[in-house]
Amino acid sequence: MDITVRQASKSDFGDIRRITVDAYSDAGYVDDEYAYNHILAALEEGTSGSSLLVAEADGKIVGSVFLTRPGGDFSDVAHDGELEFRMLAVAPDYQHQGIAHHLVQAVIDHARQDPEVSGVVLTIAPQMDGQHKLYEEMNFTRIPARDFMLTDSFALHVYKLAL
C-alpha cells in the first residue's frame, strides 16, 4: 500500500472529522463524539495558527495529525523551540498498517526543516499502549516531569524527540 502524507486542505475536513471521531471513540479513548469538534472547527476556520497533515492511501484520506507551536490555541505542552503534535488519528479499517508511523515521520521531517525547532513533543493517555510503543520505537523519550492531569481523573503523559 502506498501512503502519501500532505498538508490538509479545506476539502479534507469532512474526512478528518470522521476519522478523528471514529478512531478515538471506536477505541474507547473518548466517549463524546464531539470531543475534538472545537479544535477541528478552529483548524478548519484557519484561526488556530496550527495546521493538519493527512495521510492518503487507496485514493482516500485514512489518517491525520494536528501540528501546533508553543502559545498556539491548542498547544498543551510545547515549550519554545518545540513542535507539538496532537490528535493523531487513523481510520479504524486502516490501523496497524504503518499509517501512524508515516504521519509521525512526516511531523519529524517537518520539524527538521525548521531551524527554530529543536524537538517534537506530544501528549498521550496512559492506556494507549500501542501508541506508546510506536513513539518509543521512533526514539521519543517519556518526560514524566511534564506529565499533567487534564481533568481530575484523566492524566496525560508527555513524550519528546530531541532533534
N, C-alpha and C. Protein backbone atom coordinates (compact mmCIF):
# COMPACT_ATOMS: atom_id res chain seq x y z
N MET A 1 0.85 -1.17 0.00
CA MET A 1 0.00 0.00 0.00
C MET A 1 0.89 1.24 0.00
N ASP A 2 0.64 2.14 -0.94
CA ASP A 2 1.34 3.41 -0.98
C ASP A 2 0.64 4.41 -0.06
N ILE A 3 1.43 5.06 0.77
CA ILE A 3 0.91 6.06 1.70
C ILE A 3 1.58 7.39 1.38
N THR A 4 0.76 8.41 1.19
CA THR A 4 1.26 9.76 0.93
C THR A 4 0.78 10.66 2.06
N VAL A 5 1.68 11.47 2.58
CA VAL A 5 1.32 12.45 3.61
C VAL A 5 1.48 13.84 3.01
N ARG A 6 0.47 14.67 3.21
CA ARG A 6 0.48 16.03 2.67
C ARG A 6 -0.24 16.98 3.62
N GLN A 7 -0.10 18.27 3.36
CA GLN A 7 -0.82 19.30 4.11
C GLN A 7 -2.31 19.14 3.80
N ALA A 8 -3.15 19.27 4.81
CA ALA A 8 -4.60 19.17 4.62
C ALA A 8 -5.11 20.40 3.91
N SER A 9 -6.18 20.22 3.15
CA SER A 9 -6.88 21.33 2.52
C SER A 9 -8.28 21.42 3.10
N LYS A 10 -8.96 22.53 2.82
CA LYS A 10 -10.32 22.72 3.34
C LYS A 10 -11.24 21.57 2.95
N SER A 11 -11.06 21.03 1.76
CA SER A 11 -11.94 19.95 1.30
C SER A 11 -11.72 18.65 2.07
N ASP A 12 -10.67 18.55 2.86
CA ASP A 12 -10.36 17.34 3.62
C ASP A 12 -11.06 17.27 4.97
N PHE A 13 -11.65 18.37 5.42
CA PHE A 13 -12.11 18.43 6.80
C PHE A 13 -13.24 17.46 7.14
N GLY A 14 -14.10 17.16 6.20
CA GLY A 14 -15.14 16.16 6.47
C GLY A 14 -14.53 14.81 6.80
N ASP A 15 -13.54 14.41 6.01
CA ASP A 15 -12.85 13.14 6.26
C ASP A 15 -12.06 13.19 7.57
N ILE A 16 -11.40 14.31 7.84
CA ILE A 16 -10.61 14.44 9.07
C ILE A 16 -11.52 14.32 10.29
N ARG A 17 -12.66 14.98 10.27
CA ARG A 17 -13.61 14.90 11.39
C ARG A 17 -14.06 13.44 11.60
N ARG A 18 -14.47 12.80 10.52
CA ARG A 18 -14.96 11.42 10.61
C ARG A 18 -13.88 10.49 11.15
N ILE A 19 -12.69 10.59 10.60
CA ILE A 19 -11.59 9.71 11.02
C ILE A 19 -11.22 9.94 12.47
N THR A 20 -11.14 11.20 12.89
CA THR A 20 -10.76 11.51 14.27
C THR A 20 -11.79 10.96 15.25
N VAL A 21 -13.05 11.23 14.98
CA VAL A 21 -14.11 10.73 15.88
C VAL A 21 -14.12 9.20 15.88
N ASP A 22 -14.07 8.58 14.71
CA ASP A 22 -14.09 7.11 14.64
C ASP A 22 -12.91 6.50 15.37
N ALA A 23 -11.72 7.03 15.12
CA ALA A 23 -10.52 6.44 15.71
C ALA A 23 -10.53 6.51 17.23
N TYR A 24 -10.90 7.67 17.78
CA TYR A 24 -10.86 7.83 19.23
C TYR A 24 -12.07 7.22 19.93
N SER A 25 -13.24 7.32 19.34
CA SER A 25 -14.41 6.75 20.02
C SER A 25 -14.47 5.24 19.84
N ASP A 26 -14.13 4.71 18.67
CA ASP A 26 -14.14 3.26 18.47
C ASP A 26 -13.15 2.56 19.40
N ALA A 27 -12.03 3.21 19.67
CA ALA A 27 -11.03 2.62 20.56
C ALA A 27 -11.38 2.82 22.03
N GLY A 28 -12.42 3.59 22.31
CA GLY A 28 -12.83 3.81 23.69
C GLY A 28 -12.03 4.89 24.41
N TYR A 29 -11.28 5.71 23.66
CA TYR A 29 -10.47 6.75 24.28
C TYR A 29 -11.29 7.98 24.63
N VAL A 30 -12.38 8.23 23.91
CA VAL A 30 -13.29 9.32 24.25
C VAL A 30 -14.69 8.77 24.17
N ASP A 31 -15.56 9.26 25.03
CA ASP A 31 -16.94 8.80 24.98
C ASP A 31 -17.87 9.87 24.44
N ASP A 32 -17.31 10.99 24.05
CA ASP A 32 -18.08 12.08 23.49
C ASP A 32 -17.66 12.25 22.04
N GLU A 33 -18.55 11.93 21.10
CA GLU A 33 -18.16 12.00 19.70
C GLU A 33 -17.79 13.41 19.25
N TYR A 34 -18.11 14.40 20.07
CA TYR A 34 -17.78 15.78 19.71
C TYR A 34 -16.60 16.31 20.50
N ALA A 35 -15.84 15.45 21.10
CA ALA A 35 -14.75 15.87 21.98
C ALA A 35 -13.74 16.78 21.29
N TYR A 36 -13.49 16.58 20.02
CA TYR A 36 -12.48 17.37 19.32
C TYR A 36 -13.07 18.39 18.37
N ASN A 37 -14.39 18.55 18.37
CA ASN A 37 -15.01 19.45 17.41
C ASN A 37 -14.55 20.89 17.54
N HIS A 38 -14.32 21.38 18.78
CA HIS A 38 -13.87 22.77 18.93
C HIS A 38 -12.50 22.98 18.30
N ILE A 39 -11.63 22.00 18.42
CA ILE A 39 -10.31 22.10 17.80
C ILE A 39 -10.43 22.00 16.29
N LEU A 40 -11.18 21.01 15.81
CA LEU A 40 -11.33 20.83 14.37
C LEU A 40 -11.99 22.05 13.73
N ALA A 41 -12.97 22.64 14.39
CA ALA A 41 -13.64 23.82 13.85
C ALA A 41 -12.65 24.99 13.73
N ALA A 42 -11.83 25.20 14.75
CA ALA A 42 -10.86 26.29 14.70
C ALA A 42 -9.82 26.06 13.61
N LEU A 43 -9.40 24.81 13.44
CA LEU A 43 -8.45 24.49 12.38
C LEU A 43 -9.07 24.74 11.01
N GLU A 44 -10.30 24.31 10.86
CA GLU A 44 -10.98 24.47 9.58
C GLU A 44 -11.15 25.95 9.23
N GLU A 45 -11.40 26.76 10.23
CA GLU A 45 -11.57 28.20 10.00
C GLU A 45 -10.23 28.91 9.84
N GLY A 46 -9.13 28.19 10.12
CA GLY A 46 -7.81 28.79 9.99
C GLY A 46 -7.49 29.77 11.09
N THR A 47 -8.16 29.64 12.23
CA THR A 47 -7.98 30.62 13.30
C THR A 47 -7.03 30.17 14.40
N SER A 48 -6.53 28.98 14.33
CA SER A 48 -5.75 28.47 15.47
C SER A 48 -4.26 28.70 15.34
N GLY A 49 -3.78 29.08 14.18
CA GLY A 49 -2.34 29.22 14.00
C GLY A 49 -1.65 27.87 13.90
N SER A 50 -2.40 26.81 13.72
CA SER A 50 -1.87 25.46 13.65
C SER A 50 -2.18 24.88 12.28
N SER A 51 -1.78 23.63 12.06
CA SER A 51 -2.04 23.01 10.78
C SER A 51 -2.29 21.52 10.94
N LEU A 52 -2.74 20.92 9.87
CA LEU A 52 -3.03 19.49 9.84
C LEU A 52 -2.32 18.84 8.66
N LEU A 53 -1.85 17.63 8.89
CA LEU A 53 -1.35 16.78 7.82
C LEU A 53 -2.33 15.64 7.66
N VAL A 54 -2.47 15.14 6.44
CA VAL A 54 -3.31 13.98 6.19
C VAL A 54 -2.50 12.90 5.49
N ALA A 55 -2.90 11.67 5.73
CA ALA A 55 -2.32 10.52 5.04
C ALA A 55 -3.35 10.00 4.05
N GLU A 56 -2.91 9.71 2.85
CA GLU A 56 -3.78 9.14 1.84
C GLU A 56 -3.28 7.75 1.47
N ALA A 57 -4.22 6.85 1.27
CA ALA A 57 -3.93 5.51 0.79
C ALA A 57 -5.16 5.04 0.02
N ASP A 58 -4.96 4.23 -0.97
CA ASP A 58 -6.07 3.71 -1.76
C ASP A 58 -6.97 4.83 -2.29
N GLY A 59 -6.38 6.01 -2.57
CA GLY A 59 -7.13 7.11 -3.13
C GLY A 59 -8.03 7.86 -2.18
N LYS A 60 -7.84 7.64 -0.86
CA LYS A 60 -8.66 8.38 0.09
C LYS A 60 -7.86 8.74 1.33
N ILE A 61 -8.38 9.69 2.09
CA ILE A 61 -7.74 10.10 3.33
C ILE A 61 -8.02 9.04 4.39
N VAL A 62 -6.94 8.58 5.02
CA VAL A 62 -7.07 7.50 6.01
C VAL A 62 -6.47 7.86 7.37
N GLY A 63 -5.91 9.07 7.48
CA GLY A 63 -5.34 9.48 8.76
C GLY A 63 -5.02 10.96 8.75
N SER A 64 -4.83 11.48 9.96
CA SER A 64 -4.47 12.90 10.08
C SER A 64 -3.73 13.13 11.39
N VAL A 65 -3.05 14.26 11.44
CA VAL A 65 -2.36 14.68 12.66
C VAL A 65 -2.32 16.20 12.68
N PHE A 66 -2.45 16.76 13.85
CA PHE A 66 -2.55 18.20 14.10
C PHE A 66 -1.22 18.69 14.65
N LEU A 67 -0.67 19.77 14.08
CA LEU A 67 0.60 20.35 14.49
C LEU A 67 0.38 21.73 15.09
N THR A 68 1.09 22.02 16.18
CA THR A 68 0.98 23.34 16.79
C THR A 68 2.32 23.71 17.43
N ARG A 69 2.45 24.98 17.73
CA ARG A 69 3.67 25.52 18.32
C ARG A 69 3.35 26.08 19.70
N PRO A 70 4.37 26.39 20.49
CA PRO A 70 4.12 27.00 21.81
C PRO A 70 3.26 28.25 21.67
N GLY A 71 2.30 28.38 22.54
CA GLY A 71 1.43 29.54 22.51
C GLY A 71 0.28 29.42 21.54
N GLY A 72 0.26 28.34 20.73
CA GLY A 72 -0.85 28.12 19.82
C GLY A 72 -2.12 27.87 20.60
N ASP A 73 -3.25 28.10 19.96
CA ASP A 73 -4.54 27.97 20.64
C ASP A 73 -4.72 26.62 21.35
N PHE A 74 -4.17 25.56 20.78
CA PHE A 74 -4.40 24.24 21.34
C PHE A 74 -3.12 23.52 21.74
N SER A 75 -2.09 24.29 22.00
CA SER A 75 -0.84 23.70 22.47
C SER A 75 -0.99 23.34 23.95
N ASP A 76 -0.67 22.12 24.27
CA ASP A 76 -0.73 21.67 25.67
C ASP A 76 0.62 21.72 26.36
N VAL A 77 1.69 21.32 25.65
CA VAL A 77 2.96 21.13 26.34
C VAL A 77 4.18 21.69 25.63
N ALA A 78 4.03 22.24 24.44
CA ALA A 78 5.20 22.71 23.69
C ALA A 78 5.86 23.88 24.39
N HIS A 79 7.16 23.79 24.52
CA HIS A 79 7.99 24.89 25.02
C HIS A 79 8.63 25.57 23.82
N ASP A 80 9.28 26.70 24.06
CA ASP A 80 9.99 27.38 22.98
C ASP A 80 10.91 26.39 22.27
N GLY A 81 10.89 26.43 20.96
CA GLY A 81 11.75 25.55 20.17
C GLY A 81 11.17 24.17 19.93
N GLU A 82 9.93 23.93 20.34
CA GLU A 82 9.33 22.61 20.15
C GLU A 82 8.11 22.69 19.23
N LEU A 83 7.94 21.66 18.45
CA LEU A 83 6.73 21.45 17.66
C LEU A 83 5.93 20.38 18.37
N GLU A 84 4.67 20.64 18.58
CA GLU A 84 3.79 19.68 19.27
C GLU A 84 2.83 19.07 18.26
N PHE A 85 2.60 17.77 18.39
CA PHE A 85 1.53 17.19 17.59
C PHE A 85 0.52 16.52 18.48
N ARG A 86 -0.73 16.56 18.00
CA ARG A 86 -1.87 16.06 18.76
C ARG A 86 -2.84 15.36 17.80
N MET A 87 -3.79 14.68 18.38
CA MET A 87 -4.92 14.11 17.65
C MET A 87 -4.49 13.26 16.45
N LEU A 88 -3.42 12.50 16.60
CA LEU A 88 -3.04 11.56 15.55
C LEU A 88 -4.16 10.54 15.45
N ALA A 89 -4.74 10.42 14.26
CA ALA A 89 -5.88 9.52 14.07
C ALA A 89 -5.73 8.77 12.76
N VAL A 90 -6.03 7.47 12.82
CA VAL A 90 -6.04 6.63 11.62
C VAL A 90 -7.39 5.95 11.56
N ALA A 91 -7.99 5.94 10.38
CA ALA A 91 -9.29 5.30 10.20
C ALA A 91 -9.22 3.86 10.70
N PRO A 92 -10.22 3.41 11.47
CA PRO A 92 -10.17 2.06 12.04
C PRO A 92 -9.85 0.96 11.03
N ASP A 93 -10.36 1.04 9.82
CA ASP A 93 -10.10 0.00 8.82
C ASP A 93 -8.66 0.01 8.32
N TYR A 94 -7.90 1.06 8.63
CA TYR A 94 -6.53 1.18 8.15
C TYR A 94 -5.50 1.13 9.27
N GLN A 95 -5.93 0.88 10.49
CA GLN A 95 -4.99 0.83 11.59
C GLN A 95 -4.08 -0.39 11.49
N HIS A 96 -2.90 -0.29 12.08
CA HIS A 96 -1.90 -1.37 12.12
C HIS A 96 -1.34 -1.67 10.73
N GLN A 97 -1.27 -0.63 9.89
CA GLN A 97 -0.71 -0.81 8.54
C GLN A 97 0.40 0.21 8.26
N GLY A 98 0.92 0.84 9.30
CA GLY A 98 2.04 1.76 9.15
C GLY A 98 1.67 3.21 8.89
N ILE A 99 0.38 3.51 8.87
CA ILE A 99 -0.04 4.88 8.56
C ILE A 99 0.36 5.84 9.68
N ALA A 100 0.16 5.45 10.93
CA ALA A 100 0.56 6.31 12.04
C ALA A 100 2.06 6.59 11.99
N HIS A 101 2.85 5.58 11.69
CA HIS A 101 4.30 5.76 11.57
C HIS A 101 4.61 6.79 10.48
N HIS A 102 3.96 6.70 9.34
CA HIS A 102 4.18 7.66 8.26
C HIS A 102 3.82 9.09 8.70
N LEU A 103 2.71 9.22 9.41
CA LEU A 103 2.30 10.54 9.88
C LEU A 103 3.31 11.11 10.87
N VAL A 104 3.75 10.30 11.82
CA VAL A 104 4.73 10.78 12.81
C VAL A 104 6.04 11.13 12.11
N GLN A 105 6.47 10.32 11.15
CA GLN A 105 7.70 10.63 10.42
C GLN A 105 7.57 11.94 9.66
N ALA A 106 6.38 12.20 9.11
CA ALA A 106 6.15 13.47 8.42
C ALA A 106 6.24 14.65 9.38
N VAL A 107 5.75 14.47 10.61
CA VAL A 107 5.86 15.52 11.63
C VAL A 107 7.35 15.78 11.93
N ILE A 108 8.09 14.72 12.12
CA ILE A 108 9.53 14.84 12.41
C ILE A 108 10.24 15.53 11.26
N ASP A 109 9.94 15.13 10.03
CA ASP A 109 10.57 15.74 8.86
C ASP A 109 10.22 17.22 8.77
N HIS A 110 8.97 17.54 9.04
CA HIS A 110 8.52 18.95 9.05
C HIS A 110 9.30 19.74 10.10
N ALA A 111 9.46 19.19 11.27
CA ALA A 111 10.19 19.86 12.35
C ALA A 111 11.66 20.07 11.98
N ARG A 112 12.25 19.09 11.35
CA ARG A 112 13.67 19.20 10.98
C ARG A 112 13.92 20.28 9.92
N GLN A 113 12.90 20.65 9.19
CA GLN A 113 13.04 21.69 8.17
C GLN A 113 13.00 23.10 8.77
N ASP A 114 12.63 23.20 10.03
CA ASP A 114 12.51 24.50 10.68
C ASP A 114 13.70 24.68 11.62
N PRO A 115 14.59 25.61 11.32
CA PRO A 115 15.79 25.79 12.16
C PRO A 115 15.47 26.24 13.59
N GLU A 116 14.26 26.71 13.83
CA GLU A 116 13.89 27.14 15.18
C GLU A 116 13.38 25.99 16.04
N VAL A 117 13.20 24.82 15.45
CA VAL A 117 12.66 23.68 16.19
C VAL A 117 13.78 22.72 16.58
N SER A 118 13.87 22.45 17.88
CA SER A 118 14.90 21.53 18.38
C SER A 118 14.31 20.25 18.96
N GLY A 119 12.97 20.15 18.96
CA GLY A 119 12.35 18.95 19.49
C GLY A 119 10.89 18.86 19.09
N VAL A 120 10.37 17.64 19.14
CA VAL A 120 8.97 17.36 18.86
C VAL A 120 8.37 16.74 20.11
N VAL A 121 7.21 17.25 20.55
CA VAL A 121 6.57 16.74 21.76
C VAL A 121 5.14 16.32 21.46
N LEU A 122 4.63 15.48 22.34
CA LEU A 122 3.25 15.02 22.24
C LEU A 122 2.75 14.62 23.60
N THR A 123 1.42 14.58 23.72
CA THR A 123 0.79 14.04 24.92
C THR A 123 0.04 12.79 24.53
N ILE A 124 -0.08 11.89 25.50
CA ILE A 124 -0.75 10.62 25.24
C ILE A 124 -1.33 10.10 26.54
N ALA A 125 -2.50 9.50 26.44
CA ALA A 125 -3.11 8.89 27.62
C ALA A 125 -2.36 7.62 28.00
N PRO A 126 -2.26 7.33 29.29
CA PRO A 126 -1.50 6.16 29.73
C PRO A 126 -1.99 4.83 29.15
N GLN A 127 -3.29 4.72 28.89
CA GLN A 127 -3.84 3.44 28.43
C GLN A 127 -3.62 3.18 26.94
N MET A 128 -3.03 4.10 26.21
CA MET A 128 -2.81 3.93 24.77
C MET A 128 -1.52 3.15 24.53
N ASP A 129 -1.53 1.88 24.91
CA ASP A 129 -0.32 1.05 24.89
C ASP A 129 0.35 0.97 23.52
N GLY A 130 -0.42 0.71 22.48
CA GLY A 130 0.15 0.59 21.14
C GLY A 130 0.83 1.86 20.69
N GLN A 131 0.23 2.99 21.03
CA GLN A 131 0.81 4.26 20.63
C GLN A 131 2.09 4.56 21.40
N HIS A 132 2.12 4.20 22.69
CA HIS A 132 3.36 4.38 23.47
C HIS A 132 4.49 3.61 22.78
N LYS A 133 4.19 2.39 22.36
CA LYS A 133 5.20 1.55 21.70
C LYS A 133 5.70 2.20 20.41
N LEU A 134 4.77 2.74 19.62
CA LEU A 134 5.16 3.40 18.37
C LEU A 134 6.13 4.54 18.65
N TYR A 135 5.80 5.41 19.60
CA TYR A 135 6.65 6.56 19.87
C TYR A 135 8.01 6.14 20.41
N GLU A 136 8.02 5.14 21.25
CA GLU A 136 9.30 4.67 21.79
C GLU A 136 10.15 4.05 20.69
N GLU A 137 9.52 3.32 19.75
CA GLU A 137 10.26 2.75 18.63
C GLU A 137 10.82 3.83 17.72
N MET A 138 10.19 5.01 17.72
CA MET A 138 10.65 6.12 16.89
C MET A 138 11.56 7.07 17.68
N ASN A 139 12.06 6.58 18.84
CA ASN A 139 13.05 7.27 19.66
C ASN A 139 12.53 8.46 20.45
N PHE A 140 11.23 8.54 20.66
CA PHE A 140 10.70 9.53 21.59
C PHE A 140 10.99 9.03 23.00
N THR A 141 11.22 9.96 23.91
CA THR A 141 11.51 9.64 25.30
C THR A 141 10.40 10.22 26.17
N ARG A 142 9.93 9.42 27.09
CA ARG A 142 8.91 9.91 28.02
C ARG A 142 9.55 10.93 28.97
N ILE A 143 8.83 12.02 29.23
CA ILE A 143 9.30 13.09 30.12
C ILE A 143 8.30 13.21 31.27
N PRO A 144 8.40 12.33 32.28
CA PRO A 144 7.41 12.33 33.37
C PRO A 144 7.26 13.68 34.09
N ALA A 145 8.32 14.46 34.14
CA ALA A 145 8.24 15.76 34.83
C ALA A 145 7.25 16.71 34.14
N ARG A 146 6.91 16.42 32.89
CA ARG A 146 5.98 17.28 32.16
C ARG A 146 4.58 16.67 32.05
N ASP A 147 4.38 15.47 32.62
CA ASP A 147 3.04 14.86 32.63
C ASP A 147 2.09 15.78 33.39
N PHE A 148 0.80 15.69 33.08
CA PHE A 148 -0.16 16.52 33.79
C PHE A 148 -1.54 15.86 33.78
N MET A 149 -2.39 16.38 34.63
CA MET A 149 -3.77 15.91 34.72
C MET A 149 -4.64 16.83 33.87
N LEU A 150 -5.29 16.27 32.87
CA LEU A 150 -6.19 17.05 32.02
C LEU A 150 -7.47 17.38 32.78
N THR A 151 -7.95 16.40 33.54
CA THR A 151 -9.08 16.58 34.45
C THR A 151 -8.70 15.90 35.76
N ASP A 152 -9.60 15.89 36.70
CA ASP A 152 -9.30 15.24 37.99
C ASP A 152 -9.01 13.76 37.84
N SER A 153 -9.49 13.15 36.76
CA SER A 153 -9.33 11.70 36.62
C SER A 153 -8.66 11.28 35.31
N PHE A 154 -8.12 12.23 34.54
CA PHE A 154 -7.56 11.89 33.23
C PHE A 154 -6.17 12.48 33.09
N ALA A 155 -5.16 11.59 33.13
CA ALA A 155 -3.76 12.02 33.04
C ALA A 155 -3.28 11.96 31.60
N LEU A 156 -2.28 12.77 31.31
CA LEU A 156 -1.61 12.71 30.02
C LEU A 156 -0.11 12.61 30.26
N HIS A 157 0.53 11.70 29.53
CA HIS A 157 1.97 11.56 29.57
C HIS A 157 2.57 12.39 28.43
N VAL A 158 3.78 12.85 28.64
CA VAL A 158 4.48 13.66 27.64
C VAL A 158 5.68 12.88 27.13
N TYR A 159 5.83 12.89 25.81
CA TYR A 159 6.99 12.31 25.13
C TYR A 159 7.66 13.40 24.32
N LYS A 160 9.00 13.27 24.16
CA LYS A 160 9.76 14.23 23.35
C LYS A 160 10.80 13.51 22.52
N LEU A 161 10.98 14.01 21.32
CA LEU A 161 12.08 13.59 20.46
C LEU A 161 12.97 14.81 20.26
N ALA A 162 14.20 14.74 20.75
CA ALA A 162 15.16 15.83 20.53
C ALA A 162 15.70 15.69 19.12
N LEU A 163 15.79 16.80 18.44
CA LEU A 163 16.29 16.78 17.04
C LEU A 163 17.75 17.19 16.99
